[in-house]
């Protein structure tokens, strides 16, 4: 009987100790994250802004650990939520590994969407191998070179054994989610146009609506002197993608090149 009483007493004492320990542990547990504050809810900056500059004006304080500003990082920057505008998410951590967060708005003052460039025309001589991406590149004010992210779509399979034009759409997306498109053509030219190489200063240009355009100013020269003729239907009053064809003829030999003009 005494043994049973002693066992019960010991059990009660053990339970009391466990309960007391849990209460003390619970009292000491820190589950409250630090509080971040900003000196402004909106920051206007260049696309060249650094993380160090984005962190200016942000502080973090924790009720138990005090000032934890030195733990603040830029956790995320969203895609555009509206024109030139993104949301920055900041995070700070205290000594108990609680994470506090704060959002504020980032507005770019000089953002420009991605643009395409051509080093040569999108023209290939009939019967030759076609590498669609060999002459095209892309860049943006935010990410610089985006060439590796260029993608394209075709309405039909290109037949490189017959002359013709094939609609193609190029697209590229930068790190803030902005996608640019270029709708143009892949041209398969007759072999007779391979006799003369024509050089242009540019093979793709962007023009504002209502701007002046002189197609001859983009002609630099030809591998053989001959008569130059230019076929242009560019209408700078109307947004769209246009083509200017340049021909050089010398006796019975010919050359051809093409300029893509985007009016926007």
Protein backbone atom coordinates (compact mmCIF):
# COMPACT_ATOMS: atom_id res chain seq x y z
CA UNK A 1 0.00 0.00 0.00
CA UNK A 2 2.81 2.36 0.94
CA UNK A 3 4.53 1.56 -2.35
CA UNK A 4 1.38 2.49 -4.27
CA UNK A 5 1.06 5.77 -2.38
CA UNK A 6 4.72 6.59 -3.02
CA UNK A 7 4.29 5.77 -6.72
CA UNK A 8 1.27 8.03 -6.97
CA UNK A 9 3.09 10.86 -5.21
CA UNK A 10 6.09 10.49 -7.52
CA UNK A 11 3.80 10.48 -10.56
CA UNK A 12 2.06 13.64 -9.39
CA UNK A 13 5.41 15.32 -8.74
CA UNK A 14 6.69 14.29 -12.19
CA UNK A 15 3.59 15.64 -13.89
CA UNK A 16 3.89 18.87 -11.93
CA UNK A 17 7.51 19.27 -13.00
CA UNK A 18 6.66 18.59 -16.67
CA UNK A 19 3.78 21.07 -16.60
CA UNK A 20 5.91 23.69 -14.89
CA UNK A 21 8.72 23.19 -17.44
CA UNK A 22 6.33 23.55 -20.36
CA UNK A 23 4.90 26.73 -18.86
CA UNK A 24 8.38 28.19 -18.42
CA UNK A 25 9.41 27.07 -21.92
CA UNK A 26 6.24 28.55 -23.38
CA UNK A 27 6.91 31.82 -21.61
CA UNK A 28 10.42 31.93 -23.06
CA UNK A 29 9.40 30.98 -26.62
CA UNK A 30 9.75 33.89 -29.06
CA UNK A 31 7.33 33.70 -31.99
CA UNK A 32 6.97 37.41 -32.73
CA UNK A 33 8.79 38.55 -35.91
CA UNK A 34 10.67 41.83 -36.22
CA UNK A 35 8.79 44.87 -37.52
CA UNK A 36 10.13 46.56 -40.66
CA UNK A 37 9.51 50.22 -41.41
CA UNK A 38 10.28 52.36 -44.46
CA UNK A 39 10.77 56.09 -44.80
CA UNK A 40 8.53 56.00 -47.90
CA UNK A 41 6.03 53.61 -49.43
CA UNK A 42 7.21 54.30 -52.99
CA UNK A 43 10.72 54.43 -54.39
CA UNK A 44 11.48 55.89 -57.84
CA UNK A 45 14.70 54.63 -59.36
CA UNK A 46 16.62 53.83 -62.52
CA UNK A 47 16.70 50.28 -63.86
CA UNK A 48 20.37 50.38 -62.86
CA UNK A 49 19.42 50.62 -59.17
CA UNK A 50 21.44 48.36 -56.86
CA UNK A 51 20.19 46.24 -53.96
CA UNK A 52 22.14 48.48 -51.61
CA UNK A 53 20.19 51.48 -52.88
CA UNK A 54 16.89 49.62 -52.57
CA UNK A 55 17.67 48.94 -48.91
CA UNK A 56 18.11 52.61 -48.04
CA UNK A 57 15.41 53.95 -45.71
CA UNK A 58 14.40 50.49 -44.43
CA UNK A 59 14.87 49.56 -40.75
CA UNK A 60 13.87 46.56 -38.64
CA UNK A 61 13.29 46.32 -34.88
CA UNK A 62 12.46 43.30 -32.74
CA UNK A 63 10.91 43.54 -29.27
CA UNK A 64 13.28 40.93 -27.86
CA UNK A 65 16.40 41.26 -30.01
CA UNK A 66 16.38 44.98 -30.64
CA UNK A 67 17.69 46.51 -33.88
CA UNK A 68 18.00 43.85 -36.61
CA UNK A 69 18.30 46.24 -39.55
CA UNK A 70 21.53 44.58 -40.64
CA UNK A 71 19.60 41.38 -41.47
CA UNK A 72 17.31 43.03 -44.02
CA UNK A 73 17.44 41.64 -47.56
CA UNK A 74 15.44 42.13 -50.75
CA UNK A 75 13.52 38.86 -50.76
CA UNK A 76 11.60 39.34 -54.00
CA UNK A 77 10.78 41.84 -56.74
CA UNK A 78 7.53 41.11 -58.55
CA UNK A 79 6.73 41.29 -62.24
CA UNK A 80 5.12 44.53 -63.37
CA UNK A 81 1.79 45.15 -61.67
CA UNK A 82 1.23 48.19 -63.89
CA UNK A 83 3.34 50.30 -66.23
CA UNK A 84 6.95 50.49 -64.98
CA UNK A 85 5.81 49.47 -61.47
CA UNK A 86 6.88 46.48 -59.36
CA UNK A 87 6.49 45.43 -55.71
CA UNK A 88 9.62 44.89 -53.59
CA UNK A 89 9.37 42.44 -50.67
CA UNK A 90 11.90 43.00 -47.88
CA UNK A 91 12.63 40.46 -45.15
CA UNK A 92 14.45 40.62 -41.80
CA UNK A 93 15.14 37.88 -39.24
CA UNK A 94 15.61 37.93 -35.46
CA UNK A 95 17.69 35.69 -33.20
CA UNK A 96 14.80 33.23 -32.86
CA UNK A 97 14.61 32.87 -36.64
CA UNK A 98 11.31 34.73 -36.90
CA UNK A 99 11.00 36.50 -40.25
CA UNK A 100 9.29 39.84 -40.68
CA UNK A 101 8.38 41.30 -44.07
CA UNK A 102 7.50 44.62 -45.65
CA UNK A 103 6.40 45.60 -49.15
CA UNK A 104 6.87 48.86 -50.98
CA UNK A 105 6.41 50.03 -54.54
CA UNK A 106 9.26 50.43 -57.04
CA UNK A 107 8.69 52.71 -60.03
CA UNK A 108 11.31 52.75 -62.79
CA UNK A 109 12.08 56.17 -64.23
CA UNK A 110 13.86 54.96 -67.38
CA UNK A 111 12.53 51.49 -68.20
CA UNK A 112 12.29 50.48 -71.86
CA UNK A 113 10.81 47.22 -73.03
CA UNK A 114 12.98 44.65 -74.86
CA UNK A 115 13.84 45.30 -78.50
CA UNK A 116 15.16 43.07 -81.26
CA UNK A 117 18.18 43.55 -83.49
CA UNK A 118 19.20 41.97 -86.79
CA UNK A 119 22.82 41.56 -87.87
CA UNK A 120 21.72 40.40 -91.34
CA UNK A 121 18.41 40.08 -93.17
CA UNK A 122 16.03 37.24 -92.40
CA UNK A 123 16.63 36.11 -95.98
CA UNK A 124 18.17 32.84 -97.14
CA UNK A 125 19.14 31.61 -100.59
CA UNK A 126 17.04 28.71 -101.85
CA UNK A 127 18.63 25.34 -101.16
CA UNK A 128 20.82 26.57 -98.30
CA UNK A 129 20.60 25.60 -94.65
CA UNK A 130 18.37 27.85 -92.53
CA UNK A 131 19.23 28.88 -88.99
CA UNK A 132 16.36 31.12 -87.98
CA UNK A 133 18.00 32.50 -84.84
CA UNK A 134 21.45 33.08 -86.35
CA UNK A 135 20.91 36.75 -87.23
CA UNK A 136 18.58 37.95 -84.48
CA UNK A 137 19.36 39.22 -80.99
CA UNK A 138 17.48 41.09 -78.26
CA UNK A 139 18.27 43.36 -75.35
CA UNK A 140 16.51 45.48 -72.76
CA UNK A 141 17.35 48.41 -70.54
CA UNK A 142 16.81 46.17 -67.51
CA UNK A 143 18.59 42.91 -68.41
CA UNK A 144 20.89 43.96 -71.25
CA UNK A 145 21.47 40.93 -73.50
CA UNK A 146 18.37 38.71 -73.84
CA UNK A 147 19.40 36.86 -77.00
CA UNK A 148 19.31 33.43 -75.35
CA UNK A 149 15.68 34.02 -74.38
CA UNK A 150 14.45 34.74 -77.92
CA UNK A 151 11.77 32.31 -79.06
CA UNK A 152 9.75 32.11 -82.27
CA UNK A 153 6.63 30.63 -83.78
CA UNK A 154 5.86 29.74 -87.41
CA UNK A 155 2.51 29.35 -89.15
CA UNK A 156 3.94 26.63 -91.41
CA UNK A 157 7.08 24.61 -92.06
CA UNK A 158 9.67 26.48 -94.11
CA UNK A 159 10.51 24.86 -97.45
CA UNK A 160 14.06 25.95 -98.21
CA UNK A 161 13.94 24.35 -101.66
CA UNK A 162 11.43 26.85 -103.05
CA UNK A 163 11.32 30.64 -103.04
CA UNK A 164 8.71 32.26 -100.84
CA UNK A 165 7.95 34.11 -97.62
CA UNK A 166 6.91 32.60 -94.30
CA UNK A 167 5.28 34.59 -91.48
CA UNK A 168 7.16 34.35 -88.21
CA UNK A 169 6.66 35.79 -84.73
CA UNK A 170 9.67 36.37 -82.50
CA UNK A 171 9.14 36.98 -78.79
CA UNK A 172 11.33 37.68 -75.79
CA UNK A 173 10.52 38.26 -72.10
CA UNK A 174 12.64 40.19 -69.62
CA UNK A 175 13.04 39.58 -65.88
CA UNK A 176 10.06 41.74 -64.93
CA UNK A 177 7.70 39.76 -67.16
CA UNK A 178 7.45 42.19 -70.08
CA UNK A 179 7.20 40.40 -73.44
CA UNK A 180 8.06 42.05 -76.76
CA UNK A 181 7.04 40.67 -80.16
CA UNK A 182 8.33 41.04 -83.70
CA UNK A 183 6.05 39.83 -86.48
CA UNK A 184 7.86 39.61 -89.78
CA UNK A 185 8.83 37.11 -92.51
CA UNK A 186 11.50 34.56 -93.29
CA UNK A 187 12.34 35.00 -96.97
CA UNK A 188 13.67 32.26 -99.26
CA UNK A 189 15.32 34.04 -102.20
CA UNK A 190 16.21 32.87 -105.69
CA UNK A 191 19.84 31.83 -106.11
CA UNK A 192 20.35 34.59 -108.68
CA UNK A 193 20.38 37.15 -105.84
CA UNK A 194 23.50 35.61 -104.30
CA UNK A 195 25.87 37.11 -106.89
CA UNK A 196 26.04 40.54 -105.23
CA UNK A 197 26.23 41.17 -101.49
CA UNK A 198 24.40 44.29 -100.32
CA UNK A 199 25.36 45.91 -97.04
CA UNK A 200 22.95 48.04 -95.01
CA UNK A 201 23.74 50.11 -91.93
CA UNK A 202 20.82 48.40 -90.14
CA UNK A 203 18.55 45.48 -90.87
CA UNK A 204 15.90 46.30 -88.27
CA UNK A 205 14.90 49.75 -87.04
CA UNK A 206 12.20 51.16 -84.77
CA UNK A 207 10.57 54.45 -85.72
CA UNK A 208 8.10 56.62 -83.81
CA UNK A 209 4.80 57.34 -85.55
CA UNK A 210 4.98 60.35 -87.91
CA UNK A 211 8.78 60.36 -87.99
CA UNK A 212 10.72 61.00 -91.20
CA UNK A 213 12.14 58.01 -93.06
CA UNK A 214 14.62 57.94 -95.92
CA UNK A 215 15.26 54.32 -96.99
CA UNK A 216 18.27 55.25 -99.13
CA UNK A 217 20.16 56.48 -96.06
CA UNK A 218 20.41 52.87 -94.82
CA UNK A 219 22.21 51.62 -97.94
CA UNK A 220 25.97 51.35 -97.35
CA UNK A 221 27.19 49.65 -100.51
CA UNK A 222 27.48 46.48 -102.56
CA UNK A 223 30.23 43.99 -103.35
CA UNK A 224 29.86 44.91 -107.04
CA UNK A 225 28.89 48.34 -108.30
CA UNK A 226 25.58 48.43 -110.07
CA UNK A 227 22.21 50.11 -110.29
CA UNK A 228 20.38 50.46 -106.98
CA UNK A 229 16.62 50.22 -106.75
CA UNK A 230 14.57 50.39 -103.57
CA UNK A 231 11.07 49.10 -102.95
CA UNK A 232 9.52 50.66 -99.84
CA UNK A 233 5.93 50.76 -98.64
CA UNK A 234 6.69 52.13 -95.19
CA UNK A 235 3.90 54.32 -93.80
CA UNK A 236 5.20 56.12 -90.74
CA UNK A 237 1.72 57.43 -90.00
CA UNK A 238 0.45 53.94 -89.23
CA UNK A 239 1.95 51.63 -86.57
CA UNK A 240 3.03 48.25 -87.88
CA UNK A 241 5.89 46.23 -89.30
CA UNK A 242 7.11 47.04 -92.81
CA UNK A 243 9.83 45.87 -95.19
CA UNK A 244 12.14 47.73 -97.52
CA UNK A 245 13.79 45.69 -100.29
CA UNK A 246 17.08 46.81 -101.83
CA UNK A 247 18.20 45.52 -105.23
CA UNK A 248 21.52 46.00 -107.01
CA UNK A 249 21.89 44.94 -110.63
CA UNK A 250 25.10 44.89 -112.65
CA UNK A 251 24.78 43.55 -116.18
CA UNK A 252 23.14 40.13 -115.69
CA UNK A 253 23.91 39.61 -112.01
CA UNK A 254 21.83 40.65 -109.03
CA UNK A 255 21.81 41.16 -105.30
CA UNK A 256 19.07 41.72 -102.75
CA UNK A 257 18.76 42.76 -99.11
CA UNK A 258 15.94 43.72 -96.77
CA UNK A 259 15.35 46.22 -93.97
CA UNK A 260 12.61 45.57 -91.40
CA UNK A 261 10.94 48.76 -90.15
CA UNK A 262 8.78 48.78 -87.02
CA UNK A 263 6.62 51.89 -86.66
CA UNK A 264 5.31 52.31 -83.12
